[in-house]
Protein backbone atom coordinates (compact mmCIF):
# COMPACT_ATOMS: atom_id res chain seq x y z
CA MET A 1 0.00 0.00 0.00
CA ASN A 2 1.17 3.51 -0.77
CA LYS A 3 2.03 5.93 2.03
CA ARG A 4 -0.82 8.36 2.72
CA PRO A 5 0.10 12.04 2.24
CA ARG A 6 -0.57 14.22 5.28
CA SER A 7 -2.84 16.49 3.20
CA ILE A 8 -5.16 13.55 2.51
CA THR A 9 -5.30 12.76 6.21
CA VAL A 10 -6.18 16.37 7.03
CA ILE A 11 -8.86 16.65 4.33
CA SER A 12 -10.35 13.29 5.35
CA CYS A 13 -10.48 14.33 9.00
CA ILE A 14 -12.10 17.66 8.09
CA PHE A 15 -14.86 15.86 6.21
CA LEU A 16 -15.24 13.30 8.99
CA ALA A 17 -15.63 16.10 11.54
CA ALA A 18 -18.02 18.04 9.31
CA GLY A 19 -20.08 14.90 8.79
CA PHE A 20 -20.27 13.91 12.46
CA ILE A 21 -20.91 17.43 13.74
CA GLY A 22 -23.50 18.15 11.04
CA LEU A 23 -25.22 14.81 11.60
CA ALA A 24 -25.41 15.37 15.35
CA TYR A 25 -26.75 18.89 14.83
CA HIS A 26 -29.35 18.01 12.20
CA ALA A 27 -30.45 14.78 13.90
CA THR A 28 -31.93 16.93 16.68
CA GLU A 29 -34.33 18.40 14.11
CA PHE A 30 -36.14 15.07 13.95
CA ASN A 31 -37.60 15.79 17.42
CA ALA A 32 -39.01 19.21 16.58
CA ARG A 33 -40.39 18.27 13.17
CA SER A 34 -41.95 15.35 11.46
CA PRO A 35 -39.26 12.67 10.96
CA PHE A 36 -40.23 12.26 7.34
CA GLU A 37 -39.59 15.77 6.13
CA TYR A 38 -37.34 15.31 3.15
CA ASP A 39 -35.07 18.27 3.78
CA VAL A 40 -33.88 16.89 7.13
CA VAL A 41 -33.51 13.38 5.73
CA TRP A 42 -31.58 14.74 2.74
CA VAL A 43 -29.23 16.80 4.94
CA CYS A 44 -28.53 13.81 7.21
CA PHE A 45 -27.88 11.65 4.14
CA VAL A 46 -25.36 14.20 2.83
CA ARG A 47 -23.65 14.25 6.26
CA LEU A 48 -23.40 10.46 6.16
CA LEU A 49 -21.81 10.74 2.72
CA ALA A 50 -19.20 13.11 4.19
CA ILE A 51 -18.39 10.51 6.85
CA LEU A 52 -18.15 7.72 4.27
CA CYS A 53 -15.92 9.83 2.03
CA GLY A 54 -13.62 10.64 4.94
CA VAL A 55 -13.32 7.00 5.99
CA PHE A 56 -12.76 5.61 2.50
CA MET A 57 -10.29 8.33 1.55
CA LEU A 58 -8.25 7.34 4.60
CA ARG A 59 -8.34 3.78 3.27
CA GLY A 60 -7.06 4.86 -0.16
CA SER A 61 -10.21 4.47 -2.26
CA ASN A 62 -10.34 6.70 -5.32
CA TRP A 63 -14.11 7.29 -5.59
CA PRO A 64 -14.40 9.49 -2.45
CA ARG A 65 -12.05 12.13 -3.79
CA TRP A 66 -14.19 12.45 -6.92
CA LEU A 67 -17.36 12.63 -4.84
CA LEU A 68 -15.81 15.39 -2.70
CA VAL A 69 -14.84 17.33 -5.83
CA VAL A 70 -18.42 17.09 -7.14
CA TRP A 71 -19.77 18.05 -3.72
CA LEU A 72 -17.56 21.12 -3.36
CA GLY A 73 -18.19 22.12 -6.97
CA TYR A 74 -21.91 22.00 -6.24
CA HIS A 75 -21.34 24.25 -3.23
CA VAL A 76 -19.50 26.76 -5.41
CA ILE A 77 -22.44 26.81 -7.82
CA LEU A 78 -24.89 27.27 -4.93
CA SER A 79 -22.72 30.07 -3.54
CA VAL A 80 -23.36 32.13 -6.66
CA LEU A 81 -26.91 32.56 -5.34
CA HIS A 82 -25.67 33.79 -1.95
CA THR A 83 -23.28 36.50 -0.80
CA PRO A 84 -20.00 37.21 -2.62
CA PHE A 85 -18.15 36.24 0.58
CA GLU A 86 -19.68 32.73 0.50
CA LEU A 87 -18.71 32.40 -3.14
CA LEU A 88 -15.15 33.42 -2.32
CA VAL A 89 -14.85 31.03 0.63
CA HIS A 90 -16.29 28.07 -1.25
CA SER A 91 -14.16 28.83 -4.32
CA LEU A 92 -10.97 28.99 -2.25
CA LEU A 93 -11.88 25.79 -0.41
CA PHE A 94 -12.63 24.10 -3.73
CA ALA A 95 -9.31 25.22 -5.24
CA GLY A 96 -7.36 24.10 -2.17
CA VAL A 97 -9.01 20.69 -2.01
CA LEU A 98 -8.50 20.20 -5.77
CA TYR A 99 -4.83 21.06 -5.41
CA PHE A 100 -4.22 18.64 -2.56
CA LEU A 101 -6.38 15.79 -3.87
CA PHE A 102 -4.76 15.74 -7.30
CA ARG A 103 -1.10 16.35 -6.51
CA PRO A 104 1.21 13.60 -7.78
CA GLN A 105 1.71 12.21 -4.25
CA ALA A 106 -2.04 11.95 -3.76
CA SER A 107 -2.56 10.35 -7.16
CA VAL A 108 0.00 7.69 -6.28
CA TYR A 109 -1.79 7.07 -2.97
CA PHE A 110 -5.15 6.63 -4.68
CA ARG A 111 -3.76 4.42 -7.44
CA PRO A 112 -4.77 0.82 -6.81
CA THR A 113 -1.95 -1.52 -6.01
CA SER A 114 -1.70 -4.25 -8.59
CA PRO A 115 -2.10 -7.80 -7.38
CA PRO A 116 1.01 -9.95 -7.59
CA SER A 117 1.40 -11.58 -10.97
CA ARG A 118 0.59 -15.24 -11.02
CA ILE A 119 2.99 -17.65 -12.59
CA PRO A 120 1.03 -20.20 -14.57
CA GLU A 121 1.28 -23.59 -13.00
CA THR A 122 2.76 -26.25 -15.20
CA ASP A 123 1.75 -29.81 -14.99
CA ASP A 124 4.97 -31.82 -14.89
CA SER A 125 3.23 -35.13 -14.53
CA PRO A 126 3.94 -37.67 -17.24
CA VAL A 127 1.29 -38.07 -19.89
CA ALA A 128 -0.32 -41.45 -19.66
C-alpha cells in the first residue's frame, strides 16, 4: 500500500468532523419536526456521505475524492446565489481541495496496487 500524504489525512479528518458534527446537529431536528420531512432526511444523508468519504479516503479508495470534488463544486455553484463572501470562501476551499487531492503524491496514494502476478502452474506429470 502507498504511504498516505498528510494532506489527505487532514482533508479526510475535516470531512469526517463536518459529517459527524452536522449529523449530530441536524439529527436533533427530527424531534421538533416530522421525521419524514425530506429536507432533514436529505441533509442527514449528505452528512453520512461526508463521513463515508472521509473513511474511505483514509483507506485509499479513489471514488471518495471524486465525490468530494463534485460536492464542493456544487457548493461553489450554490454560492453564486448567496453572498460574494460565501462564493469566495467556497471557491478557495474548492481550489485548495483540488490542489491537494490531485497532486502527484495523492494520485499515487489513490492508485490501486496491482495484485502480484501469477505464474502459470505447469503440470509436470507424465502423460499417460
